[in-house]
Amino acid sequence: MKKNFYNIIKGKFLVSDDAFKNWRFIIFLSLLALVMIASSHQADKKVHQIAKLNNDVKELKSEYVDVRMRLMQAKMETKIIKAMENRGLYPSETPPQKVIVAKTN
C-alpha cells in the first residue's frame, strides 16, 4: 500500500509500460473539466442576461405607468378646456339639442 502511494506521488504511473492507458484517461478527464467550466460560464452569462432583462422590464413598466398617467391627465375635460381657451375656443353655454328627422313616405 505504501509502495503504491509513493509510486503515484513520484509519477511512475505516467512513465510505466502501460502509461498510454493512464494518459488517455487523464486527457479525457481534462477535456471533461473544460466542458464543465465552459458550461458553467454559459450558465452564468444567461443568469446575468436574465437579470438585465428583468431590470429592463421593470423600467419599461414604470415608464408605461407614467405615460398612461400623463395621458389620463391630458384627456381630462378641464385640461382640454384650458388648452382650447388659448386658441380662442370656449365651451358652449347652451346644451346641445337633438335633431329628429322624420321619415316621409
PDB file of N, CA and C in Angstrom:
ATOM      1  N   MET A   1       0.834  -1.187   0.000  1.00  0.00           N
ATOM      2  CA  MET A   1       0.000   0.000   0.000  1.00  0.00           C
ATOM      3  C   MET A   1       0.876   1.247   0.000  1.00  0.00           C
ATOM      4  N   LYS A   2       1.882   1.246   0.879  1.00  0.00           N
ATOM      5  CA  LYS A   2       2.774   2.382   0.982  1.00  0.00           C
ATOM      6  C   LYS A   2       3.566   2.557  -0.310  1.00  0.00           C
ATOM      7  N   LYS A   3       3.946   1.427  -0.906  1.00  0.00           N
ATOM      8  CA  LYS A   3       4.733   1.466  -2.145  1.00  0.00           C
ATOM      9  C   LYS A   3       3.899   2.055  -3.296  1.00  0.00           C
ATOM     10  N   ASN A   4       2.637   1.669  -3.380  1.00  0.00           N
ATOM     11  CA  ASN A   4       1.751   2.205  -4.417  1.00  0.00           C
ATOM     12  C   ASN A   4       1.558   3.707  -4.258  1.00  0.00           C
ATOM     13  N   PHE A   5       1.444   4.156  -3.032  1.00  0.00           N
ATOM     14  CA  PHE A   5       1.271   5.581  -2.772  1.00  0.00           C
ATOM     15  C   PHE A   5       2.505   6.356  -3.231  1.00  0.00           C
ATOM     16  N   TYR A   6       3.693   5.828  -2.914  1.00  0.00           N
ATOM     17  CA  TYR A   6       4.926   6.502  -3.343  1.00  0.00           C
ATOM     18  C   TYR A   6       5.050   6.509  -4.859  1.00  0.00           C
ATOM     19  N   ASN A   7       4.622   5.430  -5.511  1.00  0.00           N
ATOM     20  CA  ASN A   7       4.676   5.381  -6.977  1.00  0.00           C
ATOM     21  C   ASN A   7       3.753   6.439  -7.598  1.00  0.00           C
ATOM     22  N   ILE A   8       2.607   6.650  -7.001  1.00  0.00           N
ATOM     23  CA  ILE A   8       1.680   7.664  -7.508  1.00  0.00           C
ATOM     24  C   ILE A   8       2.279   9.052  -7.324  1.00  0.00           C
ATOM     25  N   ILE A   9       2.864   9.310  -6.147  1.00  0.00           N
ATOM     26  CA  ILE A   9       3.457  10.617  -5.875  1.00  0.00           C
ATOM     27  C   ILE A   9       4.643  10.882  -6.813  1.00  0.00           C
ATOM     28  N   LYS A  10       5.442   9.877  -7.064  1.00  0.00           N
ATOM     29  CA  LYS A  10       6.605  10.045  -7.945  1.00  0.00           C
ATOM     30  C   LYS A  10       6.203  10.135  -9.418  1.00  0.00           C
ATOM     31  N   GLY A  11       4.993   9.718  -9.753  1.00  0.00           N
ATOM     32  CA  GLY A  11       4.514   9.798 -11.132  1.00  0.00           C
ATOM     33  C   GLY A  11       4.929   8.615 -11.983  1.00  0.00           C
ATOM     34  N   LYS A  12       5.229   7.489 -11.378  1.00  0.00           N
ATOM     35  CA  LYS A  12       5.646   6.318 -12.150  1.00  0.00           C
ATOM     36  C   LYS A  12       4.509   5.767 -13.016  1.00  0.00           C
ATOM     37  N   PHE A  13       3.273   6.065 -12.637  1.00  0.00           N
ATOM     38  CA  PHE A  13       2.143   5.568 -13.436  1.00  0.00           C
ATOM     39  C   PHE A  13       2.071   6.281 -14.786  1.00  0.00           C
ATOM     40  N   LEU A  14       2.794   7.395 -14.934  1.00  0.00           N
ATOM     41  CA  LEU A  14       2.790   8.117 -16.200  1.00  0.00           C
ATOM     42  C   LEU A  14       3.908   7.668 -17.142  1.00  0.00           C
ATOM     43  N   VAL A  15       4.921   7.001 -16.618  1.00  0.00           N
ATOM     44  CA  VAL A  15       6.057   6.602 -17.453  1.00  0.00           C
ATOM     45  C   VAL A  15       6.231   5.083 -17.527  1.00  0.00           C
ATOM     46  N   SER A  16       5.346   4.349 -16.911  1.00  0.00           N
ATOM     47  CA  SER A  16       5.477   2.888 -16.951  1.00  0.00           C
ATOM     48  C   SER A  16       5.045   2.351 -18.315  1.00  0.00           C
ATOM     49  N   ASP A  17       5.096   1.044 -18.501  1.00  0.00           N
ATOM     50  CA  ASP A  17       4.796   0.406 -19.791  1.00  0.00           C
ATOM     51  C   ASP A  17       3.334   0.603 -20.205  1.00  0.00           C
ATOM     52  N   ASP A  18       2.419   0.542 -19.283  1.00  0.00           N
ATOM     53  CA  ASP A  18       1.004   0.717 -19.626  1.00  0.00           C
ATOM     54  C   ASP A  18       0.532   2.161 -19.350  1.00  0.00           C
ATOM     55  N   ALA A  19       1.424   3.125 -19.510  1.00  0.00           N
ATOM     56  CA  ALA A  19       1.124   4.527 -19.233  1.00  0.00           C
ATOM     57  C   ALA A  19       0.166   5.126 -20.264  1.00  0.00           C
ATOM     58  N   PHE A  20       0.142   4.567 -21.476  1.00  0.00           N
ATOM     59  CA  PHE A  20      -0.737   5.110 -22.512  1.00  0.00           C
ATOM     60  C   PHE A  20      -2.191   5.105 -22.050  1.00  0.00           C
ATOM     61  N   LYS A  21      -2.593   4.062 -21.385  1.00  0.00           N
ATOM     62  CA  LYS A  21      -3.949   3.951 -20.850  1.00  0.00           C
ATOM     63  C   LYS A  21      -4.207   5.051 -19.815  1.00  0.00           C
ATOM     64  N   ASN A  22      -3.245   5.319 -18.984  1.00  0.00           N
ATOM     65  CA  ASN A  22      -3.389   6.366 -17.966  1.00  0.00           C
ATOM     66  C   ASN A  22      -3.450   7.749 -18.607  1.00  0.00           C
ATOM     67  N   TRP A  23      -2.622   7.993 -19.621  1.00  0.00           N
ATOM     68  CA  TRP A  23      -2.613   9.286 -20.298  1.00  0.00           C
ATOM     69  C   TRP A  23      -3.951   9.550 -20.977  1.00  0.00           C
ATOM     70  N   ARG A  24      -4.518   8.523 -21.602  1.00  0.00           N
ATOM     71  CA  ARG A  24      -5.829   8.696 -22.240  1.00  0.00           C
ATOM     72  C   ARG A  24      -6.884   9.104 -21.215  1.00  0.00           C
ATOM     73  N   PHE A  25      -6.856   8.457 -20.062  1.00  0.00           N
ATOM     74  CA  PHE A  25      -7.830   8.782 -19.017  1.00  0.00           C
ATOM     75  C   PHE A  25      -7.625  10.205 -18.492  1.00  0.00           C
ATOM     76  N   ILE A  26      -6.374  10.609 -18.311  1.00  0.00           N
ATOM     77  CA  ILE A  26      -6.075  11.961 -17.825  1.00  0.00           C
ATOM     78  C   ILE A  26      -6.535  12.997 -18.843  1.00  0.00           C
ATOM     79  N   ILE A  27      -6.287  12.751 -20.123  1.00  0.00           N
ATOM     80  CA  ILE A  27      -6.724  13.679 -21.163  1.00  0.00           C
ATOM     81  C   ILE A  27      -8.252  13.744 -21.213  1.00  0.00           C
ATOM     82  N   PHE A  28      -8.896  12.584 -21.071  1.00  0.00           N
ATOM     83  CA  PHE A  28     -10.355  12.559 -21.042  1.00  0.00           C
ATOM     84  C   PHE A  28     -10.894  13.382 -19.875  1.00  0.00           C
ATOM     85  N   LEU A  29     -10.322  13.228 -18.690  1.00  0.00           N
ATOM     86  CA  LEU A  29     -10.762  13.997 -17.527  1.00  0.00           C
ATOM     87  C   LEU A  29     -10.523  15.495 -17.727  1.00  0.00           C
ATOM     88  N   SER A  30      -9.394  15.836 -18.372  1.00  0.00           N
ATOM     89  CA  SER A  30      -9.103  17.253 -18.640  1.00  0.00           C
ATOM     90  C   SER A  30     -10.144  17.840 -19.582  1.00  0.00           C
ATOM     91  N   LEU A  31     -10.485  17.129 -20.638  1.00  0.00           N
ATOM     92  CA  LEU A  31     -11.498  17.608 -21.575  1.00  0.00           C
ATOM     93  C   LEU A  31     -12.864  17.730 -20.897  1.00  0.00           C
ATOM     94  N   LEU A  32     -13.167  16.784 -20.068  1.00  0.00           N
ATOM     95  CA  LEU A  32     -14.426  16.829 -19.325  1.00  0.00           C
ATOM     96  C   LEU A  32     -14.466  18.056 -18.406  1.00  0.00           C
ATOM     97  N   ALA A  33     -13.355  18.364 -17.767  1.00  0.00           N
ATOM     98  CA  ALA A  33     -13.289  19.543 -16.896  1.00  0.00           C
ATOM     99  C   ALA A  33     -13.461  20.819 -17.715  1.00  0.00           C
ATOM    100  N   LEU A  34     -12.856  20.882 -18.899  1.00  0.00           N
ATOM    101  CA  LEU A  34     -13.001  22.063 -19.754  1.00  0.00           C
ATOM    102  C   LEU A  34     -14.452  22.260 -20.191  1.00  0.00           C
ATOM    103  N   VAL A  35     -15.115  21.167 -20.547  1.00  0.00           N
ATOM    104  CA  VAL A  35     -16.519  21.254 -20.943  1.00  0.00           C
ATOM    105  C   VAL A  35     -17.372  21.730 -19.771  1.00  0.00           C
ATOM    106  N   MET A  36     -17.075  21.243 -18.592  1.00  0.00           N
ATOM    107  CA  MET A  36     -17.834  21.634 -17.413  1.00  0.00           C
ATOM    108  C   MET A  36     -17.625  23.121 -17.099  1.00  0.00           C
ATOM    109  N   ILE A  37     -16.395  23.596 -17.218  1.00  0.00           N
ATOM    110  CA  ILE A  37     -16.107  25.013 -16.963  1.00  0.00           C
ATOM    111  C   ILE A  37     -16.815  25.888 -17.986  1.00  0.00           C
ATOM    112  N   ALA A  38     -16.770  25.498 -19.265  1.00  0.00           N
ATOM    113  CA  ALA A  38     -17.441  26.276 -20.318  1.00  0.00           C
ATOM    114  C   ALA A  38     -18.950  26.315 -20.072  1.00  0.00           C
ATOM    115  N   SER A  39     -19.512  25.192 -19.687  1.00  0.00           N
ATOM    116  CA  SER A  39     -20.942  25.131 -19.404  1.00  0.00           C
ATOM    117  C   SER A  39     -21.308  26.040 -18.233  1.00  0.00           C
ATOM    118  N   SER A  40     -20.484  26.058 -17.222  1.00  0.00           N
ATOM    119  CA  SER A  40     -20.726  26.918 -16.064  1.00  0.00           C
ATOM    120  C   SER A  40     -20.681  28.395 -16.461  1.00  0.00           C
ATOM    121  N   HIS A  41     -19.726  28.760 -17.307  1.00  0.00           N
ATOM    122  CA  HIS A  41     -19.638  30.150 -17.758  1.00  0.00           C
ATOM    123  C   HIS A  41     -20.866  30.540 -18.581  1.00  0.00           C
ATOM    124  N   GLN A  42     -21.327  29.647 -19.432  1.00  0.00           N
ATOM    125  CA  GLN A  42     -22.526  29.920 -20.227  1.00  0.00           C
ATOM    126  C   GLN A  42     -23.736  30.130 -19.315  1.00  0.00           C
ATOM    127  N   ALA A  43     -23.856  29.299 -18.298  1.00  0.00           N
ATOM    128  CA  ALA A  43     -24.981  29.424 -17.366  1.00  0.00           C
ATOM    129  C   ALA A  43     -24.910  30.756 -16.619  1.00  0.00           C
ATOM    130  N   ASP A  44     -23.719  31.158 -16.187  1.00  0.00           N
ATOM    131  CA  ASP A  44     -23.567  32.453 -15.507  1.00  0.00           C
ATOM    132  C   ASP A  44     -23.938  33.602 -16.439  1.00  0.00           C
ATOM    133  N   LYS A  45     -23.543  33.487 -17.700  1.00  0.00           N
ATOM    134  CA  LYS A  45     -23.863  34.526 -18.680  1.00  0.00           C
ATOM    135  C   LYS A  45     -25.374  34.648 -18.837  1.00  0.00           C
ATOM    136  N   LYS A  46     -26.056  33.513 -18.899  1.00  0.00           N
ATOM    137  CA  LYS A  46     -27.519  33.526 -19.027  1.00  0.00           C
ATOM    138  C   LYS A  46     -28.176  34.166 -17.804  1.00  0.00           C
ATOM    139  N   VAL A  47     -27.660  33.866 -16.619  1.00  0.00           N
ATOM    140  CA  VAL A  47     -28.225  34.430 -15.394  1.00  0.00           C
ATOM    141  C   VAL A  47     -28.089  35.948 -15.407  1.00  0.00           C
ATOM    142  N   HIS A  48     -26.923  36.445 -15.807  1.00  0.00           N
ATOM    143  CA  HIS A  48     -26.728  37.899 -15.865  1.00  0.00           C
ATOM    144  C   HIS A  48     -27.639  38.527 -16.920  1.00  0.00           C
ATOM    145  N   GLN A  49     -27.805  37.851 -18.040  1.00  0.00           N
ATOM    146  CA  GLN A  49     -28.674  38.372 -19.101  1.00  0.00           C
ATOM    147  C   GLN A  49     -30.130  38.429 -18.623  1.00  0.00           C
ATOM    148  N   ILE A  50     -30.572  37.404 -17.921  1.00  0.00           N
ATOM    149  CA  ILE A  50     -31.942  37.377 -17.399  1.00  0.00           C
ATOM    150  C   ILE A  50     -32.140  38.502 -16.385  1.00  0.00           C
ATOM    151  N   ALA A  51     -31.158  38.727 -15.518  1.00  0.00           N
ATOM    152  CA  ALA A  51     -31.267  39.810 -14.532  1.00  0.00           C
ATOM    153  C   ALA A  51     -31.356  41.161 -15.231  1.00  0.00           C
ATOM    154  N   LYS A  52     -30.561  41.357 -16.269  1.00  0.00           N
ATOM    155  CA  LYS A  52     -30.587  42.622 -17.009  1.00  0.00           C
ATOM    156  C   LYS A  52     -31.946  42.817 -17.684  1.00  0.00           C
ATOM    157  N   LEU A  53     -32.468  41.757 -18.290  1.00  0.00           N
ATOM    158  CA  LEU A  53     -33.770  41.859 -18.941  1.00  0.00           C
ATOM    159  C   LEU A  53     -34.885  42.129 -17.940  1.00  0.00           C
ATOM    160  N   ASN A  54     -34.800  41.539 -16.752  1.00  0.00           N
ATOM    161  CA  ASN A  54     -35.798  41.811 -15.712  1.00  0.00           C
ATOM    162  C   ASN A  54     -35.761  43.280 -15.293  1.00  0.00           C
ATOM    163  N   ASN A  55     -34.558  43.838 -15.180  1.00  0.00           N
ATOM    164  CA  ASN A  55     -34.447  45.266 -14.851  1.00  0.00           C
ATOM    165  C   ASN A  55     -35.041  46.122 -15.963  1.00  0.00           C
ATOM    166  N   ASP A  56     -34.799  45.737 -17.216  1.00  0.00           N
ATOM    167  CA  ASP A  56     -35.368  46.481 -18.341  1.00  0.00           C
ATOM    168  C   ASP A  56     -36.895  46.428 -18.314  1.00  0.00           C
ATOM    169  N   VAL A  57     -37.442  45.266 -17.997  1.00  0.00           N
ATOM    170  CA  VAL A  57     -38.896  45.114 -17.932  1.00  0.00           C
ATOM    171  C   VAL A  57     -39.471  46.013 -16.836  1.00  0.00           C
ATOM    172  N   LYS A  58     -38.830  46.036 -15.669  1.00  0.00           N
ATOM    173  CA  LYS A  58     -39.310  46.891 -14.583  1.00  0.00           C
ATOM    174  C   LYS A  58     -39.270  48.359 -14.990  1.00  0.00           C
ATOM    175  N   GLU A  59     -38.194  48.756 -15.659  1.00  0.00           N
ATOM    176  CA  GLU A  59     -38.063  50.150 -16.094  1.00  0.00           C
ATOM    177  C   GLU A  59     -39.141  50.505 -17.115  1.00  0.00           C
ATOM    178  N   LEU A  60     -39.398  49.607 -18.058  1.00  0.00           N
ATOM    179  CA  LEU A  60     -40.418  49.867 -19.070  1.00  0.00           C
ATOM    180  C   LEU A  60     -41.820  49.900 -18.465  1.00  0.00           C
ATOM    181  N   LYS A  61     -42.071  49.054 -17.476  1.00  0.00           N
ATOM    182  CA  LYS A  61     -43.378  49.082 -16.808  1.00  0.00           C
ATOM    183  C   LYS A  61     -43.599  50.406 -16.106  1.00  0.00           C
ATOM    184  N   SER A  62     -42.570  50.897 -15.423  1.00  0.00           N
ATOM    185  CA  SER A  62     -42.738  52.179 -14.725  1.00  0.00           C
ATOM    186  C   SER A  62     -42.905  53.318 -15.724  1.00  0.00           C
ATOM    187  N   GLU A  63     -42.207  53.246 -16.847  1.00  0.00           N
ATOM    188  CA  GLU A  63     -42.375  54.271 -17.886  1.00  0.00           C
ATOM    189  C   GLU A  63     -43.793  54.213 -18.459  1.00  0.00           C
ATOM    190  N   TYR A  64     -44.319  53.013 -18.648  1.00  0.00           N
ATOM    191  CA  TYR A  64     -45.690  52.847 -19.150  1.00  0.00           C
ATOM    192  C   TYR A  64     -46.695  53.477 -18.197  1.00  0.00           C
ATOM    193  N   VAL A  65     -46.532  53.220 -16.910  1.00  0.00           N
ATOM    194  CA  VAL A  65     -47.454  53.775 -15.918  1.00  0.00           C
ATOM    195  C   VAL A  65     -47.381  55.298 -15.930  1.00  0.00           C
ATOM    196  N   ASP A  66     -46.175  55.843 -16.044  1.00  0.00           N
ATOM    197  CA  ASP A  66     -46.010  57.299 -16.064  1.00  0.00           C
ATOM    198  C   ASP A  66     -46.672  57.911 -17.293  1.00  0.00           C
ATOM    199  N   VAL A  67     -46.456  57.304 -18.456  1.00  0.00           N
ATOM    200  CA  VAL A  67     -47.055  57.829 -19.691  1.00  0.00           C
ATOM    201  C   VAL A  67     -48.574  57.710 -19.644  1.00  0.00           C
ATOM    202  N   ARG A  68     -49.080  56.601 -19.118  1.00  0.00           N
ATOM    203  CA  ARG A  68     -50.524  56.420 -19.005  1.00  0.00           C
ATOM    204  C   ARG A  68     -51.137  57.465 -18.074  1.00  0.00           C
ATOM    205  N   MET A  69     -50.445  57.794 -16.981  1.00  0.00           N
ATOM    206  CA  MET A  69     -50.941  58.801 -16.050  1.00  0.00           C
ATOM    207  C   MET A  69     -50.981  60.176 -16.732  1.00  0.00           C
ATOM    208  N   ARG A  70     -49.922  60.508 -17.478  1.00  0.00           N
ATOM    209  CA  ARG A  70     -49.915  61.799 -18.173  1.00  0.00           C
ATOM    210  C   ARG A  70     -51.009  61.864 -19.233  1.00  0.00           C
ATOM    211  N   LEU A  71     -51.261  60.748 -19.915  1.00  0.00           N
ATOM    212  CA  LEU A  71     -52.328  60.712 -20.918  1.00  0.00           C
ATOM    213  C   LEU A  71     -53.684  60.912 -20.267  1.00  0.00           C
ATOM    214  N   MET A  72     -53.919  60.259 -19.146  1.00  0.00           N
ATOM    215  CA  MET A  72     -55.200  60.411 -18.452  1.00  0.00           C
ATOM    216  C   MET A  72     -55.401  61.859 -18.007  1.00  0.00           C
ATOM    217  N   GLN A  73     -54.337  62.492 -17.550  1.00  0.00           N
ATOM    218  CA  GLN A  73     -54.451  63.896 -17.148  1.00  0.00           C
ATOM    219  C   GLN A  73     -54.713  64.788 -18.355  1.00  0.00           C
ATOM    220  N   ALA A  74     -54.070  64.474 -19.479  1.00  0.00           N
ATOM    221  CA  ALA A  74     -54.255  65.296 -20.674  1.00  0.00           C
ATOM    222  C   ALA A  74     -55.666  65.144 -21.235  1.00  0.00           C
ATOM    223  N   LYS A  75     -56.323  64.024 -20.994  1.00  0.00           N
ATOM    224  CA  LYS A  75     -57.669  63.792 -21.510  1.00  0.00           C
ATOM    225  C   LYS A  75     -58.757  64.375 -20.612  1.00  0.00           C
ATOM    226  N   MET A  76     -58.382  64.914 -19.469  1.00  0.00           N
ATOM    227  CA  MET A  76     -59.376  65.477 -18.556  1.00  0.00           C
ATOM    228  C   MET A  76     -60.029  66.700 -19.196  1.00  0.00           C
ATOM    229  N   GLU A  77     -61.310  66.875 -18.932  1.00  0.00           N
ATOM    230  CA  GLU A  77     -62.081  67.946 -19.562  1.00  0.00           C
ATOM    231  C   GLU A  77     -61.525  69.325 -19.218  1.00  0.00           C
ATOM    232  N   THR A  78     -61.116  69.514 -17.984  1.00  0.00           N
ATOM    233  CA  THR A  78     -60.602  70.826 -17.592  1.00  0.00           C
ATOM    234  C   THR A  78     -59.319  71.172 -18.332  1.00  0.00           C
ATOM    235  N   LYS A  79     -58.466  70.190 -18.536  1.00  0.00           N
ATOM    236  CA  LYS A  79     -57.220  70.436 -19.273  1.00  0.00           C
ATOM    237  C   LYS A  79     -57.525  70.781 -20.728  1.00  0.00           C
ATOM    238  N   ILE A  80     -58.490  70.097 -21.320  1.00  0.00           N
ATOM    239  CA  ILE A  80     -58.850  70.354 -22.715  1.00  0.00           C
ATOM    240  C   ILE A  80     -59.454  71.750 -22.845  1.00  0.00           C
ATOM    241  N   ILE A  81     -60.301  72.131 -21.895  1.00  0.00           N
ATOM    242  CA  ILE A  81     -60.921  73.465 -21.925  1.00  0.00           C
ATOM    243  C   ILE A  81     -59.841  74.543 -21.850  1.00  0.00           C
ATOM    244  N   LYS A  82     -58.870  74.376 -20.949  1.00  0.00           N
ATOM    245  CA  LYS A  82     -57.792  75.362 -20.829  1.00  0.00           C
ATOM    246  C   LYS A  82     -56.971  75.448 -22.115  1.00  0.00           C
ATOM    247  N   ALA A  83     -56.685  74.305 -22.715  1.00  0.00           N
ATOM    248  CA  ALA A  83     -55.890  74.300 -23.943  1.00  0.00           C
ATOM    249  C   ALA A  83     -56.643  74.981 -25.080  1.00  0.00           C
ATOM    250  N   MET A  84     -57.966  74.783 -25.155  1.00  0.00           N
ATOM    251  CA  MET A  84     -58.748  75.382 -26.234  1.00  0.00           C
ATOM    252  C   MET A  84     -58.982  76.881 -25.994  1.00  0.00           C
ATOM    253  N   GLU A  85     -59.009  77.314 -24.722  1.00  0.00           N
ATOM    254  CA  GLU A  85     -59.153  78.745 -24.433  1.00  0.00           C
ATOM    255  C   GLU A  85     -57.966  79.525 -24.991  1.00  0.00           C
ATOM    256  N   ASN A  86     -56.791  78.920 -24.960  1.00  0.00           N
ATOM    257  CA  ASN A  86     -55.613  79.583 -25.529  1.00  0.00           C
ATOM    258  C   ASN A  86     -55.767  79.786 -27.035  1.00  0.00           C
ATOM    259  N   ARG A  87     -56.538  78.940 -27.669  1.00  0.00           N
ATOM    260  CA  ARG A  87     -56.762  79.047 -29.119  1.00  0.00           C
ATOM    261  C   ARG A  87     -58.009  79.872 -29.455  1.00  0.00           C
ATOM    262  N   GLY A  88     -58.705  80.300 -28.454  1.00  0.00           N
ATOM    263  CA  GLY A  88     -59.879  81.133 -28.691  1.00  0.00           C
ATOM    264  C   GLY A  88     -61.179  80.349 -28.753  1.00  0.00           C
ATOM    265  N   LEU A  89     -61.178  79.100 -28.380  1.00  0.00           N
ATOM    266  CA  LEU A  89     -62.401  78.292 -28.372  1.00  0.00           C
ATOM    267  C   LEU A  89     -62.875  78.136 -26.937  1.00  0.00           C
ATOM    268  N   TYR A  90     -64.174  78.321 -26.729  1.00  0.00           N
ATOM    269  CA  TYR A  90     -64.750  78.219 -25.389  1.00  0.00           C
ATOM    270  C   TYR A  90     -65.876  77.196 -25.404  1.00  0.00           C
ATOM    271  N   PRO A  91     -66.170  76.593 -24.268  1.00  0.00           N
ATOM    272  CA  PRO A  91     -67.288  75.640 -24.234  1.00  0.00           C
ATOM    273  C   PRO A  91     -68.625  76.361 -24.441  1.00  0.00           C
ATOM    274  N   SER A  92     -69.566  75.660 -24.999  1.00  0.00           N
ATOM    275  CA  SER A  92     -70.884  76.220 -25.291  1.00  0.00           C
ATOM    276  C   SER A  92     -71.645  76.480 -23.998  1.00  0.00           C
ATOM    277  N   GLU A  93     -72.369  77.574 -23.977  1.00  0.00           N
ATOM    278  CA  GLU A  93     -73.169  77.919 -22.805  1.00  0.00           C
ATOM    279  C   GLU A  93     -74.507  77.176 -22.825  1.00  0.00           C
ATOM    280  N   THR A  94     -74.996  76.911 -24.034  1.00  0.00           N
ATOM    281  CA  THR A  94     -76.275  76.202 -24.156  1.00  0.00           C
ATOM    282  C   THR A  94     -75.990  74.740 -24.478  1.00  0.00           C
ATOM    283  N   PRO A  95     -76.742  73.856 -23.865  1.00  0.00           N
ATOM    284  CA  PRO A  95     -76.508  72.434 -24.131  1.00  0.00           C
ATOM    285  C   PRO A  95     -76.935  72.071 -25.551  1.00  0.00           C
ATOM    286  N   PRO A  96     -76.373  71.017 -26.107  1.00  0.00           N
ATOM    287  CA  PRO A  96     -76.750  70.615 -27.457  1.00  0.00           C
ATOM    288  C   PRO A  96     -78.193  70.093 -27.489  1.00  0.00           C
ATOM    289  N   GLN A  97     -78.835  70.219 -28.654  1.00  0.00           N
ATOM    290  CA  GLN A  97     -80.198  69.728 -28.815  1.00  0.00           C
ATOM    291  C   GLN A  97     -80.210  68.615 -29.840  1.00  0.00           C
ATOM    292  N   LYS A  98     -81.138  67.710 -29.632  1.00  0.00           N
ATOM    293  CA  LYS A  98     -81.278  66.578 -30.516  1.00  0.00           C
ATOM    294  C   LYS A  98     -82.088  66.979 -31.733  1.00  0.00           C
ATOM    295  N   VAL A  99     -81.597  66.597 -32.904  1.00  0.00           N
ATOM    296  CA  VAL A  99     -82.337  66.868 -34.132  1.00  0.00           C
ATOM    297  C   VAL A  99     -82.971  65.552 -34.565  1.00  0.00           C
ATOM    298  N   ILE A 100     -84.299  65.559 -34.695  1.00  0.00           N
ATOM    299  CA  ILE A 100     -85.021  64.353 -35.085  1.00  0.00           C
ATOM    300  C   ILE A 100     -85.518  64.553 -36.501  1.00  0.00           C
ATOM    301  N   VAL A 101     -85.166  63.620 -37.366  1.00  0.00           N
ATOM    302  CA  VAL A 101     -85.602  63.682 -38.749  1.00  0.00           C
ATOM    303  C   VAL A 101     -86.710  62.645 -38.931  1.00  0.00           C
ATOM    304  N   ALA A 102     -87.833  63.109 -39.338  1.00  0.00           N
ATOM    305  CA  ALA A 102     -88.973  62.217 -39.539  1.00  0.00           C
ATOM    306  C   ALA A 102     -88.936  61.653 -40.944  1.00  0.00           C
ATOM    307  N   LYS A 103     -89.302  60.411 -41.093  1.00  0.00           N
ATOM    308  CA  LYS A 103     -89.364  59.806 -42.418  1.00  0.00           C
ATOM    309  C   LYS A 103     -90.648  60.214 -43.108  1.00  0.00           C
ATOM    310  N   THR A 104     -90.530  60.609 -44.334  1.00  0.00           N
ATOM    311  CA  THR A 104     -91.721  60.939 -45.111  1.00  0.00           C
ATOM    312  C   THR A 104     -91.844  59.906 -46.232  1.00  0.00           C
ATOM    313  N   ASN A 105     -93.044  59.413 -46.383  1.00  0.00           N
ATOM    314  CA  ASN A 105     -93.265  58.419 -47.452  1.00  0.00           C
ATOM    315  C   ASN A 105     -93.897  59.042 -48.654  1.00  0.00           C
TER     316      ASN A 105
END
